[in-house]
Each structure stands twice: as C-alpha cells, then as structure tokens.
Amino acid sequence: MGDAFHNFVDGVVIAAAFLTSVPFGIAASLAVIAHELPQEIGDFGILLESGYSRQKALLYNVLSSVPTLPGAIIAYFYLKTSAAVVPYILSLSAASFIYIAIADLIPVLHRKSGLQTGIWQLLLLLAGVGTILLFRH
C-alpha cells in the first residue's frame, strides 16, 4: 500500500512537471524512472525473501505501480485549474530527491575508496550533469 501511494505521488509530480514544460516533464519522468527501477527491483527481492512466489511478487509489484497513471491523470486535470499549487509540488519533489541523495546515496559512495571507484563516481556524476544540460537545451 505504501509503494502504491508513493507511485501515485510520482504520477502527480510527473503531471506537475509536464504542466510546467514538456522538457521539464520529460526530465522529471526520467528522474522518477531512474529512482523507481532499483526500488522496484528491491521490492521484488523483498517479496521473494518474504516467501512469495515469483509470479505473486511480480503481480504485487505491478499492482503497486498502477496508481502512477491515475495519479498523473487526476493531477493533470486538477493542477490545470490550480496552477498556483504546481511550484509547491515541484519543490517538495525536488526536496525529496535531494534528501534521498544526501541520506541514502552519498553515505554509500563513501564506503568504497580507490582510484577505480572514484573514476566511476565522477563519470556517473558527469552523466547526471550532462543529462540536466541536455534537457536545458
């Protein structure tokens, strides 16, 4: 239920971003996908470890993802008439992604050190910056 609500909110964020601009909507969609893929794989693993069959774990994962589309559709029609709310939704979403990066991702980066690890981290960071620059132009 928590993941379904989370995915509903992702739909709201995607709709708000598209209402701002199409390039921003595409960028936000890619950001949501980038954070959802590993999360859903992790959820699938947790369900398997909890004793669910592969089919049932996949079914629950898919069912929890379904609310994304209704979230986007409902938000699109609501936010078109309440445009003043869009900046607050986008700010909250950006803050959530920054929190995830600071609280979850950066500490993991510091667990390993060495030249090869540092180069990979730098390349991935530059890929992120490059993606932002690509969508700005």
N, C-alpha and C. Protein backbone atom coordinates (compact mmCIF):
# COMPACT_ATOMS: atom_id res chain seq x y z
N MET A 1 0.83 -1.20 0.00
CA MET A 1 0.00 0.00 0.00
C MET A 1 0.87 1.26 0.00
N GLY A 2 1.96 1.21 0.75
CA GLY A 2 2.85 2.37 0.80
C GLY A 2 3.50 2.64 -0.54
N ASP A 3 3.91 1.58 -1.22
CA ASP A 3 4.53 1.77 -2.54
C ASP A 3 3.50 2.25 -3.55
N ALA A 4 2.26 1.78 -3.44
CA ALA A 4 1.21 2.24 -4.35
C ALA A 4 0.97 3.74 -4.15
N PHE A 5 0.93 4.19 -2.90
CA PHE A 5 0.76 5.62 -2.63
C PHE A 5 1.95 6.41 -3.17
N HIS A 6 3.15 5.87 -2.95
CA HIS A 6 4.37 6.51 -3.45
C HIS A 6 4.29 6.66 -4.97
N ASN A 7 3.85 5.63 -5.66
CA ASN A 7 3.74 5.69 -7.12
C ASN A 7 2.64 6.65 -7.57
N PHE A 8 1.56 6.75 -6.81
CA PHE A 8 0.52 7.74 -7.10
C PHE A 8 1.12 9.15 -7.05
N VAL A 9 1.91 9.41 -6.01
CA VAL A 9 2.55 10.72 -5.86
C VAL A 9 3.55 10.96 -6.99
N ASP A 10 4.26 9.92 -7.42
CA ASP A 10 5.14 10.07 -8.58
C ASP A 10 4.35 10.54 -9.79
N GLY A 11 3.15 10.00 -9.99
CA GLY A 11 2.30 10.43 -11.10
C GLY A 11 1.93 11.90 -10.97
N VAL A 12 1.64 12.34 -9.75
CA VAL A 12 1.32 13.75 -9.51
C VAL A 12 2.51 14.64 -9.88
N VAL A 13 3.69 14.23 -9.48
CA VAL A 13 4.90 15.01 -9.77
C VAL A 13 5.15 15.08 -11.27
N ILE A 14 4.98 13.96 -11.96
CA ILE A 14 5.19 13.95 -13.41
C ILE A 14 4.20 14.89 -14.09
N ALA A 15 2.93 14.85 -13.68
CA ALA A 15 1.93 15.75 -14.28
C ALA A 15 2.28 17.21 -14.01
N ALA A 16 2.69 17.52 -12.78
CA ALA A 16 3.06 18.90 -12.44
C ALA A 16 4.23 19.37 -13.30
N ALA A 17 5.19 18.49 -13.50
CA ALA A 17 6.35 18.85 -14.31
C ALA A 17 5.95 19.10 -15.77
N PHE A 18 5.07 18.26 -16.32
CA PHE A 18 4.64 18.47 -17.71
C PHE A 18 3.80 19.74 -17.84
N LEU A 19 3.06 20.10 -16.81
CA LEU A 19 2.30 21.34 -16.87
C LEU A 19 3.23 22.56 -16.87
N THR A 20 4.42 22.40 -16.32
CA THR A 20 5.40 23.48 -16.33
C THR A 20 6.01 23.62 -17.72
N SER A 21 6.49 22.52 -18.27
CA SER A 21 7.01 22.49 -19.65
C SER A 21 7.24 21.04 -20.05
N VAL A 22 7.18 20.78 -21.33
CA VAL A 22 7.38 19.41 -21.83
C VAL A 22 8.81 18.92 -21.53
N PRO A 23 9.86 19.72 -21.80
CA PRO A 23 11.20 19.23 -21.47
C PRO A 23 11.36 18.93 -19.97
N PHE A 24 10.77 19.76 -19.14
CA PHE A 24 10.84 19.53 -17.69
C PHE A 24 10.07 18.26 -17.33
N GLY A 25 8.96 18.03 -17.98
CA GLY A 25 8.18 16.81 -17.74
C GLY A 25 8.95 15.57 -18.13
N ILE A 26 9.66 15.64 -19.26
CA ILE A 26 10.48 14.50 -19.69
C ILE A 26 11.60 14.26 -18.69
N ALA A 27 12.26 15.34 -18.27
CA ALA A 27 13.36 15.21 -17.30
C ALA A 27 12.85 14.63 -15.98
N ALA A 28 11.71 15.10 -15.51
CA ALA A 28 11.15 14.58 -14.26
C ALA A 28 10.76 13.12 -14.42
N SER A 29 10.21 12.76 -15.57
CA SER A 29 9.85 11.36 -15.82
C SER A 29 11.08 10.47 -15.79
N LEU A 30 12.15 10.92 -16.41
CA LEU A 30 13.38 10.13 -16.39
C LEU A 30 13.95 10.02 -14.98
N ALA A 31 13.85 11.09 -14.20
CA ALA A 31 14.32 11.04 -12.81
C ALA A 31 13.49 10.04 -12.00
N VAL A 32 12.19 10.05 -12.21
CA VAL A 32 11.31 9.11 -11.49
C VAL A 32 11.64 7.68 -11.90
N ILE A 33 11.83 7.46 -13.20
CA ILE A 33 12.17 6.12 -13.68
C ILE A 33 13.50 5.67 -13.08
N ALA A 34 14.48 6.58 -13.06
CA ALA A 34 15.80 6.24 -12.54
C ALA A 34 15.74 5.85 -11.07
N HIS A 35 14.82 6.42 -10.34
CA HIS A 35 14.75 6.06 -8.92
C HIS A 35 13.78 4.91 -8.68
N GLU A 36 12.84 4.70 -9.58
CA GLU A 36 11.87 3.61 -9.42
C GLU A 36 12.44 2.25 -9.80
N LEU A 37 13.25 2.18 -10.83
CA LEU A 37 13.77 0.88 -11.26
C LEU A 37 14.49 0.13 -10.14
N PRO A 38 15.49 0.73 -9.50
CA PRO A 38 16.15 -0.02 -8.42
C PRO A 38 15.22 -0.27 -7.24
N GLN A 39 14.30 0.65 -6.99
CA GLN A 39 13.37 0.45 -5.87
C GLN A 39 12.46 -0.74 -6.14
N GLU A 40 11.94 -0.84 -7.34
CA GLU A 40 11.04 -1.94 -7.67
C GLU A 40 11.78 -3.27 -7.68
N ILE A 41 13.03 -3.27 -8.14
CA ILE A 41 13.83 -4.49 -8.10
C ILE A 41 14.05 -4.90 -6.65
N GLY A 42 14.34 -3.93 -5.80
CA GLY A 42 14.49 -4.21 -4.37
C GLY A 42 13.21 -4.72 -3.75
N ASP A 43 12.08 -4.11 -4.11
CA ASP A 43 10.79 -4.57 -3.60
C ASP A 43 10.52 -6.01 -4.02
N PHE A 44 10.85 -6.33 -5.27
CA PHE A 44 10.67 -7.69 -5.79
C PHE A 44 11.50 -8.67 -4.96
N GLY A 45 12.75 -8.30 -4.69
CA GLY A 45 13.62 -9.15 -3.87
C GLY A 45 13.09 -9.33 -2.46
N ILE A 46 12.57 -8.27 -1.88
CA ILE A 46 11.99 -8.37 -0.52
C ILE A 46 10.79 -9.30 -0.53
N LEU A 47 9.95 -9.19 -1.54
CA LEU A 47 8.78 -10.07 -1.62
C LEU A 47 9.22 -11.53 -1.79
N LEU A 48 10.24 -11.77 -2.59
CA LEU A 48 10.74 -13.14 -2.75
C LEU A 48 11.29 -13.68 -1.44
N GLU A 49 12.07 -12.85 -0.74
CA GLU A 49 12.64 -13.25 0.55
C GLU A 49 11.57 -13.48 1.61
N SER A 50 10.42 -12.83 1.43
CA SER A 50 9.32 -12.99 2.38
C SER A 50 8.49 -14.24 2.10
N GLY A 51 8.87 -14.98 1.07
CA GLY A 51 8.20 -16.24 0.79
C GLY A 51 7.20 -16.21 -0.35
N TYR A 52 7.05 -15.09 -1.02
CA TYR A 52 6.12 -15.02 -2.15
C TYR A 52 6.74 -15.72 -3.36
N SER A 53 5.91 -16.32 -4.19
CA SER A 53 6.38 -16.91 -5.44
C SER A 53 6.79 -15.77 -6.38
N ARG A 54 7.54 -16.11 -7.41
CA ARG A 54 7.94 -15.09 -8.39
C ARG A 54 6.72 -14.44 -9.03
N GLN A 55 5.72 -15.26 -9.37
CA GLN A 55 4.52 -14.73 -10.02
C GLN A 55 3.77 -13.77 -9.10
N LYS A 56 3.61 -14.16 -7.85
CA LYS A 56 2.87 -13.31 -6.91
C LYS A 56 3.66 -12.04 -6.61
N ALA A 57 4.98 -12.15 -6.46
CA ALA A 57 5.81 -10.97 -6.21
C ALA A 57 5.73 -10.01 -7.40
N LEU A 58 5.79 -10.55 -8.61
CA LEU A 58 5.67 -9.71 -9.80
C LEU A 58 4.30 -9.06 -9.87
N LEU A 59 3.26 -9.82 -9.58
CA LEU A 59 1.89 -9.28 -9.59
C LEU A 59 1.76 -8.13 -8.60
N TYR A 60 2.25 -8.31 -7.38
CA TYR A 60 2.15 -7.24 -6.38
C TYR A 60 2.97 -6.02 -6.79
N ASN A 61 4.12 -6.26 -7.40
CA ASN A 61 4.94 -5.14 -7.86
C ASN A 61 4.22 -4.36 -8.95
N VAL A 62 3.61 -5.07 -9.89
CA VAL A 62 2.87 -4.40 -10.97
C VAL A 62 1.66 -3.66 -10.40
N LEU A 63 0.93 -4.31 -9.50
CA LEU A 63 -0.25 -3.66 -8.91
C LEU A 63 0.12 -2.39 -8.15
N SER A 64 1.26 -2.40 -7.49
CA SER A 64 1.66 -1.20 -6.74
C SER A 64 2.11 -0.09 -7.69
N SER A 65 2.44 -0.43 -8.92
CA SER A 65 2.86 0.58 -9.90
C SER A 65 1.69 1.21 -10.64
N VAL A 66 0.57 0.53 -10.67
CA VAL A 66 -0.60 1.00 -11.43
C VAL A 66 -1.07 2.40 -11.00
N PRO A 67 -1.05 2.77 -9.73
CA PRO A 67 -1.55 4.09 -9.33
C PRO A 67 -0.79 5.29 -9.91
N THR A 68 0.34 5.06 -10.55
CA THR A 68 1.08 6.17 -11.16
C THR A 68 0.24 6.87 -12.22
N LEU A 69 -0.40 6.11 -13.07
CA LEU A 69 -1.19 6.70 -14.15
C LEU A 69 -2.41 7.46 -13.63
N PRO A 70 -3.23 6.88 -12.73
CA PRO A 70 -4.33 7.69 -12.18
C PRO A 70 -3.84 8.94 -11.45
N GLY A 71 -2.69 8.82 -10.76
CA GLY A 71 -2.13 10.00 -10.08
C GLY A 71 -1.80 11.09 -11.07
N ALA A 72 -1.22 10.71 -12.20
CA ALA A 72 -0.87 11.70 -13.22
C ALA A 72 -2.11 12.31 -13.86
N ILE A 73 -3.10 11.48 -14.15
CA ILE A 73 -4.31 11.99 -14.82
C ILE A 73 -5.10 12.91 -13.89
N ILE A 74 -5.30 12.47 -12.67
CA ILE A 74 -6.05 13.29 -11.70
C ILE A 74 -5.32 14.61 -11.47
N ALA A 75 -4.00 14.53 -11.26
CA ALA A 75 -3.22 15.74 -11.00
C ALA A 75 -3.24 16.67 -12.20
N TYR A 76 -3.15 16.12 -13.39
CA TYR A 76 -3.14 16.96 -14.59
C TYR A 76 -4.40 17.83 -14.66
N PHE A 77 -5.56 17.21 -14.47
CA PHE A 77 -6.80 17.98 -14.57
C PHE A 77 -7.01 18.91 -13.38
N TYR A 78 -6.59 18.48 -12.19
CA TYR A 78 -6.72 19.33 -11.02
C TYR A 78 -5.74 20.51 -11.09
N LEU A 79 -4.49 20.22 -11.45
CA LEU A 79 -3.47 21.27 -11.43
C LEU A 79 -3.62 22.26 -12.58
N LYS A 80 -4.30 21.86 -13.65
CA LYS A 80 -4.56 22.82 -14.72
C LYS A 80 -5.42 23.97 -14.21
N THR A 81 -6.31 23.67 -13.27
CA THR A 81 -7.18 24.71 -12.72
C THR A 81 -6.60 25.34 -11.46
N SER A 82 -5.60 24.72 -10.87
CA SER A 82 -4.97 25.23 -9.64
C SER A 82 -3.47 25.38 -9.85
N ALA A 83 -3.09 26.15 -10.84
CA ALA A 83 -1.68 26.28 -11.23
C ALA A 83 -0.79 26.82 -10.11
N ALA A 84 -1.36 27.53 -9.16
CA ALA A 84 -0.56 28.10 -8.08
C ALA A 84 0.05 27.03 -7.18
N VAL A 85 -0.51 25.83 -7.20
CA VAL A 85 -0.03 24.73 -6.35
C VAL A 85 1.19 24.04 -6.97
N VAL A 86 1.34 24.12 -8.29
CA VAL A 86 2.40 23.39 -9.01
C VAL A 86 3.80 23.68 -8.45
N PRO A 87 4.20 24.94 -8.22
CA PRO A 87 5.56 25.17 -7.70
C PRO A 87 5.80 24.48 -6.35
N TYR A 88 4.79 24.40 -5.52
CA TYR A 88 4.94 23.75 -4.21
C TYR A 88 5.12 22.25 -4.36
N ILE A 89 4.38 21.66 -5.28
CA ILE A 89 4.52 20.22 -5.54
C ILE A 89 5.91 19.92 -6.07
N LEU A 90 6.36 20.73 -7.01
CA LEU A 90 7.69 20.51 -7.59
C LEU A 90 8.80 20.75 -6.56
N SER A 91 8.62 21.73 -5.70
CA SER A 91 9.62 21.99 -4.65
C SER A 91 9.71 20.83 -3.68
N LEU A 92 8.58 20.31 -3.28
CA LEU A 92 8.55 19.16 -2.36
C LEU A 92 9.19 17.94 -3.01
N SER A 93 8.92 17.75 -4.29
CA SER A 93 9.51 16.62 -5.01
C SER A 93 11.03 16.77 -5.11
N ALA A 94 11.49 17.96 -5.46
CA ALA A 94 12.94 18.20 -5.55
C ALA A 94 13.59 17.98 -4.19
N ALA A 95 12.95 18.45 -3.14
CA ALA A 95 13.49 18.26 -1.78
C ALA A 95 13.58 16.77 -1.44
N SER A 96 12.61 16.00 -1.87
CA SER A 96 12.63 14.56 -1.61
C SER A 96 13.80 13.89 -2.32
N PHE A 97 14.04 14.27 -3.58
CA PHE A 97 15.17 13.68 -4.31
C PHE A 97 16.49 14.09 -3.68
N ILE A 98 16.59 15.33 -3.23
CA ILE A 98 17.82 15.78 -2.57
C ILE A 98 18.02 15.02 -1.26
N TYR A 99 16.95 14.81 -0.52
CA TYR A 99 17.04 14.04 0.73
C TYR A 99 17.53 12.62 0.45
N ILE A 100 16.97 11.99 -0.58
CA ILE A 100 17.39 10.62 -0.92
C ILE A 100 18.88 10.61 -1.23
N ALA A 101 19.33 11.59 -2.01
CA ALA A 101 20.75 11.64 -2.36
C ALA A 101 21.62 11.83 -1.13
N ILE A 102 21.24 12.74 -0.27
CA ILE A 102 22.07 13.05 0.90
C ILE A 102 22.02 11.94 1.95
N ALA A 103 20.85 11.43 2.23
CA ALA A 103 20.70 10.47 3.32
C ALA A 103 21.03 9.03 2.92
N ASP A 104 20.76 8.67 1.67
CA ASP A 104 20.93 7.28 1.27
C ASP A 104 22.11 7.04 0.32
N LEU A 105 22.26 7.88 -0.67
CA LEU A 105 23.24 7.59 -1.71
C LEU A 105 24.65 8.03 -1.37
N ILE A 106 24.81 9.22 -0.87
CA ILE A 106 26.17 9.73 -0.59
C ILE A 106 26.89 8.89 0.46
N PRO A 107 26.24 8.48 1.55
CA PRO A 107 26.96 7.62 2.51
C PRO A 107 27.45 6.31 1.88
N VAL A 108 26.69 5.76 0.94
CA VAL A 108 27.11 4.53 0.27
C VAL A 108 28.36 4.79 -0.58
N LEU A 109 28.43 5.97 -1.19
CA LEU A 109 29.59 6.31 -2.01
C LEU A 109 30.88 6.35 -1.20
N HIS A 110 30.77 6.68 0.07
CA HIS A 110 31.95 6.81 0.92
C HIS A 110 32.41 5.48 1.52
N ARG A 111 31.66 4.42 1.30
CA ARG A 111 32.04 3.11 1.83
C ARG A 111 33.21 2.50 1.08
N LYS A 112 33.32 2.81 -0.19
CA LYS A 112 34.42 2.29 -1.01
C LYS A 112 35.30 3.46 -1.43
N SER A 113 36.59 3.19 -1.49
CA SER A 113 37.50 4.22 -1.97
C SER A 113 38.48 3.59 -2.95
N GLY A 114 39.23 4.40 -3.60
CA GLY A 114 40.19 3.90 -4.58
C GLY A 114 40.02 4.64 -5.89
N LEU A 115 41.01 4.52 -6.73
CA LEU A 115 41.03 5.25 -7.99
C LEU A 115 39.89 4.80 -8.91
N GLN A 116 39.70 3.48 -9.08
CA GLN A 116 38.66 2.99 -9.98
C GLN A 116 37.27 3.41 -9.49
N THR A 117 37.01 3.30 -8.22
CA THR A 117 35.73 3.71 -7.65
C THR A 117 35.52 5.20 -7.85
N GLY A 118 36.54 5.99 -7.60
CA GLY A 118 36.44 7.44 -7.77
C GLY A 118 36.16 7.84 -9.21
N ILE A 119 36.80 7.14 -10.15
CA ILE A 119 36.56 7.44 -11.57
C ILE A 119 35.11 7.11 -11.94
N TRP A 120 34.61 5.95 -11.49
CA TRP A 120 33.21 5.60 -11.78
C TRP A 120 32.24 6.62 -11.20
N GLN A 121 32.50 7.04 -9.96
CA GLN A 121 31.64 8.03 -9.32
C GLN A 121 31.66 9.34 -10.09
N LEU A 122 32.84 9.77 -10.52
CA LEU A 122 32.96 11.00 -11.29
C LEU A 122 32.22 10.89 -12.62
N LEU A 123 32.40 9.77 -13.32
CA LEU A 123 31.73 9.58 -14.61
C LEU A 123 30.20 9.58 -14.45
N LEU A 124 29.70 8.93 -13.42
CA LEU A 124 28.26 8.91 -13.20
C LEU A 124 27.74 10.29 -12.81
N LEU A 125 28.51 11.02 -12.02
CA LEU A 125 28.14 12.39 -11.68
C LEU A 125 28.09 13.26 -12.93
N LEU A 126 29.08 13.14 -13.79
CA LEU A 126 29.10 13.90 -15.03
C LEU A 126 27.95 13.48 -15.95
N ALA A 127 27.59 12.20 -15.94
CA ALA A 127 26.43 11.76 -16.74
C ALA A 127 25.16 12.43 -16.24
N GLY A 128 25.03 12.57 -14.93
CA GLY A 128 23.87 13.27 -14.37
C GLY A 128 23.83 14.73 -14.77
N VAL A 129 24.98 15.39 -14.68
CA VAL A 129 25.06 16.79 -15.07
C VAL A 129 24.79 16.91 -16.57
N GLY A 130 25.34 15.99 -17.36
CA GLY A 130 25.11 16.01 -18.80
C GLY A 130 23.64 15.85 -19.15
N THR A 131 22.95 15.00 -18.41
CA THR A 131 21.51 14.82 -18.65
C THR A 131 20.75 16.12 -18.38
N ILE A 132 21.11 16.80 -17.31
CA ILE A 132 20.47 18.07 -17.00
C ILE A 132 20.74 19.09 -18.10
N LEU A 133 21.98 19.17 -18.54
CA LEU A 133 22.33 20.12 -19.60
C LEU A 133 21.62 19.78 -20.91
N LEU A 134 21.49 18.50 -21.20
CA LEU A 134 20.80 18.06 -22.41
C LEU A 134 19.35 18.56 -22.42
N PHE A 135 18.69 18.44 -21.29
CA PHE A 135 17.28 18.86 -21.22
C PHE A 135 17.12 20.36 -21.09
N ARG A 136 18.16 21.04 -20.69
CA ARG A 136 18.06 22.51 -20.64
C ARG A 136 18.13 23.11 -22.03
N HIS A 137 18.73 22.39 -22.96
CA HIS A 137 18.88 22.90 -24.32
C HIS A 137 18.00 22.10 -25.20
